[in-house]
Amino acid sequence: MTMRLAISAALALAACSSLAFDSEAWNAKCADDTEIVRLKAEFEKCLATTNSAADDIELPIEQYEDGRIKSRLKARKAQIFLGSGIVWGEGITVEQYDDKGIVTASLQADSCVVDRKKLTGWAPGSATATAGEVTVSGRGIYFSFKEEFVKITADAEIKVKSVHVDFGRLL
């Protein structure tokens, strides 16, 4: 719990802009594991039913209104479950792009599931996520494209190339 709070605080500081930070809302989001529990169950279900995985795939997860790709999953091996919108894969790279097609965030994982309908994912093993100058890694990583949120549940490590925080603006 302390590690999760430390990670949440570090990411919040790194992401702060001129907007006021709502610590209660942030802590509530960090404490809610409902989606993680659901995705863990989906991962296990996928492992039990994966029978026709494809090799070396690229799959759009999310698109801009004009059809350009906003996020994409690349996998060494993957299976798509069309009914649920779940994608299971191994050797995963997930990338998020800005409106000019430039990668703004990425996640590499040994294996994971992505819910294309809810725009969330779960990587139970080792994973690394990078956004700007912040890199987080660990085991058991939940991520949300919609909320631009990452939560690490074990062995967390944060690396920040450079952070310039005006503590006066945070008070």
Protein backbone atom coordinates (compact mmCIF):
# COMPACT_ATOMS: atom_id res chain seq x y z
CA MET A 1 0.00 0.00 0.00
CA THR A 2 2.80 2.44 0.87
CA MET A 3 4.55 1.68 -2.43
CA ARG A 4 1.33 2.31 -4.35
CA LEU A 5 0.87 5.62 -2.59
CA ALA A 6 4.47 6.62 -3.30
CA ILE A 7 4.09 5.73 -6.97
CA SER A 8 0.82 7.60 -7.17
CA ALA A 9 2.35 10.68 -5.56
CA ALA A 10 5.39 10.63 -7.83
CA LEU A 11 3.28 10.28 -10.96
CA ALA A 12 0.93 13.00 -9.77
CA LEU A 13 3.83 15.38 -9.22
CA ALA A 14 5.29 14.57 -12.61
CA ALA A 15 1.95 15.16 -14.31
CA CYS A 16 0.94 18.33 -12.49
CA SER A 17 0.14 21.33 -14.61
CA SER A 18 -1.57 24.61 -13.85
CA LEU A 19 -4.73 22.73 -12.86
CA ALA A 20 -5.41 22.12 -9.18
CA PHE A 21 -4.64 18.58 -8.05
CA ASP A 22 -7.52 16.72 -6.37
CA SER A 23 -5.74 14.34 -3.98
CA GLU A 24 -8.98 12.74 -2.72
CA ALA A 25 -10.04 11.79 -6.25
CA TRP A 26 -6.53 10.52 -7.01
CA ASN A 27 -6.42 8.38 -3.86
CA ALA A 28 -9.89 6.99 -4.60
CA LYS A 29 -8.78 6.01 -8.12
CA CYS A 30 -5.63 4.37 -6.74
CA ALA A 31 -7.58 2.40 -4.14
CA ASP A 32 -10.20 1.04 -6.57
CA ASP A 33 -9.09 -2.42 -7.75
CA THR A 34 -12.42 -3.40 -9.35
CA GLU A 35 -11.11 -3.29 -12.90
CA ILE A 36 -7.88 -5.08 -11.94
CA VAL A 37 -9.85 -7.96 -10.40
CA ARG A 38 -12.00 -8.21 -13.55
CA LEU A 39 -8.98 -8.17 -15.88
CA LYS A 40 -7.13 -10.77 -13.78
CA ALA A 41 -10.11 -13.10 -14.25
CA GLU A 42 -10.18 -12.33 -17.99
CA PHE A 43 -6.46 -13.13 -18.22
CA GLU A 44 -6.97 -16.52 -16.57
CA LYS A 45 -9.98 -17.23 -18.80
CA CYS A 46 -7.89 -16.38 -21.87
CA LEU A 47 -5.08 -18.70 -20.78
CA ALA A 48 -7.57 -21.54 -20.42
CA THR A 49 -9.22 -20.95 -23.82
CA THR A 50 -6.43 -19.67 -26.07
CA ASN A 51 -6.26 -22.13 -28.94
CA SER A 52 -5.64 -20.17 -32.12
CA ALA A 53 -3.15 -17.44 -31.30
CA ALA A 54 -1.61 -15.61 -34.22
CA ASP A 55 2.07 -14.72 -34.48
CA ASP A 56 3.46 -11.20 -34.91
CA ILE A 57 0.30 -9.09 -34.99
CA GLU A 58 -0.45 -5.37 -34.81
CA LEU A 59 -3.93 -4.33 -33.78
CA PRO A 60 -5.45 -0.87 -33.28
CA ILE A 61 -7.00 -0.49 -29.84
CA GLU A 62 -8.32 3.04 -30.12
CA GLN A 63 -8.71 5.51 -32.99
CA TYR A 64 -9.19 9.24 -33.40
CA GLU A 65 -12.48 10.38 -34.97
CA ASP A 66 -10.79 10.73 -38.37
CA GLY A 67 -9.61 7.08 -38.24
CA ARG A 68 -5.96 7.64 -37.34
CA ILE A 69 -4.60 5.28 -34.71
CA LYS A 70 -4.58 6.59 -31.14
CA SER A 71 -3.31 3.37 -29.51
CA ARG A 72 -2.01 0.11 -30.92
CA LEU A 73 -1.03 -3.30 -29.59
CA LYS A 74 1.86 -5.23 -31.10
CA ALA A 75 2.38 -8.82 -30.00
CA ARG A 76 4.73 -11.68 -30.70
CA LYS A 77 1.70 -13.96 -30.15
CA ALA A 78 -1.94 -12.96 -29.58
CA GLN A 79 -5.54 -14.06 -29.72
CA ILE A 80 -8.55 -11.79 -30.14
CA PHE A 81 -11.81 -12.71 -28.40
CA LEU A 82 -14.31 -10.87 -30.57
CA GLY A 83 -17.39 -11.23 -28.35
CA SER A 84 -15.79 -9.67 -25.28
CA GLY A 85 -13.38 -7.29 -27.01
CA ILE A 86 -10.49 -8.85 -25.07
CA VAL A 87 -7.07 -9.35 -26.64
CA TRP A 88 -4.62 -11.72 -24.95
CA GLY A 89 -0.98 -11.67 -25.93
CA GLU A 90 2.65 -12.47 -25.21
CA GLY A 91 5.63 -10.28 -26.04
CA ILE A 92 3.45 -7.19 -25.95
CA THR A 93 4.14 -3.59 -26.85
CA VAL A 94 1.28 -1.12 -26.51
CA GLU A 95 1.79 2.38 -27.88
CA GLN A 96 -0.29 5.53 -27.55
CA TYR A 97 0.01 8.25 -30.22
CA ASP A 98 -0.77 11.95 -30.29
CA ASP A 99 -2.83 13.46 -33.10
CA LYS A 100 0.33 13.82 -35.23
CA GLY A 101 1.18 10.11 -34.97
CA ILE A 102 4.04 10.53 -32.50
CA VAL A 103 4.36 7.94 -29.72
CA THR A 104 3.55 9.64 -26.39
CA ALA A 105 3.45 6.56 -24.14
CA SER A 106 4.32 2.89 -24.39
CA LEU A 107 4.11 -0.29 -22.36
CA GLN A 108 6.17 -3.45 -22.85
CA ALA A 109 5.02 -6.63 -21.12
CA ASP A 110 5.79 -10.33 -21.08
CA SER A 111 2.06 -11.00 -21.39
CA CYS A 112 -1.18 -9.11 -20.92
CA VAL A 113 -4.85 -8.73 -21.72
CA VAL A 114 -6.35 -5.59 -23.20
CA ASP A 115 -10.05 -4.79 -23.14
CA ARG A 116 -10.67 -2.91 -26.39
CA LYS A 117 -14.16 -1.85 -25.26
CA LYS A 118 -13.17 -0.40 -21.87
CA LEU A 119 -9.68 0.67 -23.05
CA THR A 120 -7.95 -0.98 -20.09
CA GLY A 121 -5.31 -3.66 -19.68
CA TRP A 122 -3.58 -5.95 -17.19
CA ALA A 123 -0.06 -7.34 -17.35
CA PRO A 124 0.45 -9.89 -14.54
CA GLY A 125 4.19 -10.38 -15.04
CA SER A 126 7.03 -7.99 -15.70
CA ALA A 127 6.17 -4.79 -17.53
CA THR A 128 7.58 -1.32 -18.20
CA ALA A 129 5.58 1.78 -19.06
CA THR A 130 7.05 5.03 -20.36
CA ALA A 131 5.38 8.42 -20.79
CA GLY A 132 7.56 11.40 -21.54
CA GLU A 133 10.51 11.36 -19.16
CA VAL A 134 8.86 9.01 -16.64
CA THR A 135 9.42 5.25 -16.78
CA VAL A 136 7.69 2.91 -14.36
CA SER A 137 8.28 -0.82 -14.15
CA GLY A 138 7.29 -3.73 -12.00
CA ARG A 139 5.00 -6.73 -11.91
CA GLY A 140 1.24 -6.67 -12.05
CA ILE A 141 0.59 -3.50 -14.04
CA TYR A 142 -2.90 -2.16 -14.70
CA PHE A 143 -3.32 0.56 -17.31
CA SER A 144 -6.15 2.67 -18.67
CA PHE A 145 -5.91 4.43 -22.03
CA LYS A 146 -8.97 6.55 -21.31
CA GLU A 147 -7.76 7.82 -17.94
CA GLU A 148 -4.05 7.74 -18.88
CA PHE A 149 -3.43 5.89 -15.64
CA VAL A 150 -0.94 3.17 -14.66
CA LYS A 151 -0.96 1.22 -11.39
CA ILE A 152 1.84 -1.14 -10.36
CA THR A 153 1.01 -3.80 -7.79
CA ALA A 154 4.45 -5.33 -7.07
CA ASP A 155 8.19 -4.60 -7.35
CA ALA A 156 7.61 -1.01 -8.45
CA GLU A 157 10.40 1.16 -9.76
CA ILE A 158 10.14 4.73 -11.04
CA LYS A 159 12.74 6.53 -13.12
CA VAL A 160 12.40 10.20 -14.00
CA LYS A 161 14.92 11.83 -16.32
CA SER A 162 14.22 15.31 -15.02
CA VAL A 163 11.44 16.87 -13.00
CA HIS A 164 10.90 20.57 -12.54
CA VAL A 165 8.27 21.12 -9.86
CA ASP A 166 7.21 24.54 -8.66
CA PHE A 167 6.23 23.58 -5.11
CA GLY A 168 4.80 27.05 -4.58
CA ARG A 169 2.13 26.33 -7.18
CA LEU A 170 1.21 23.05 -5.48
CA LEU A 171 0.39 24.72 -2.16
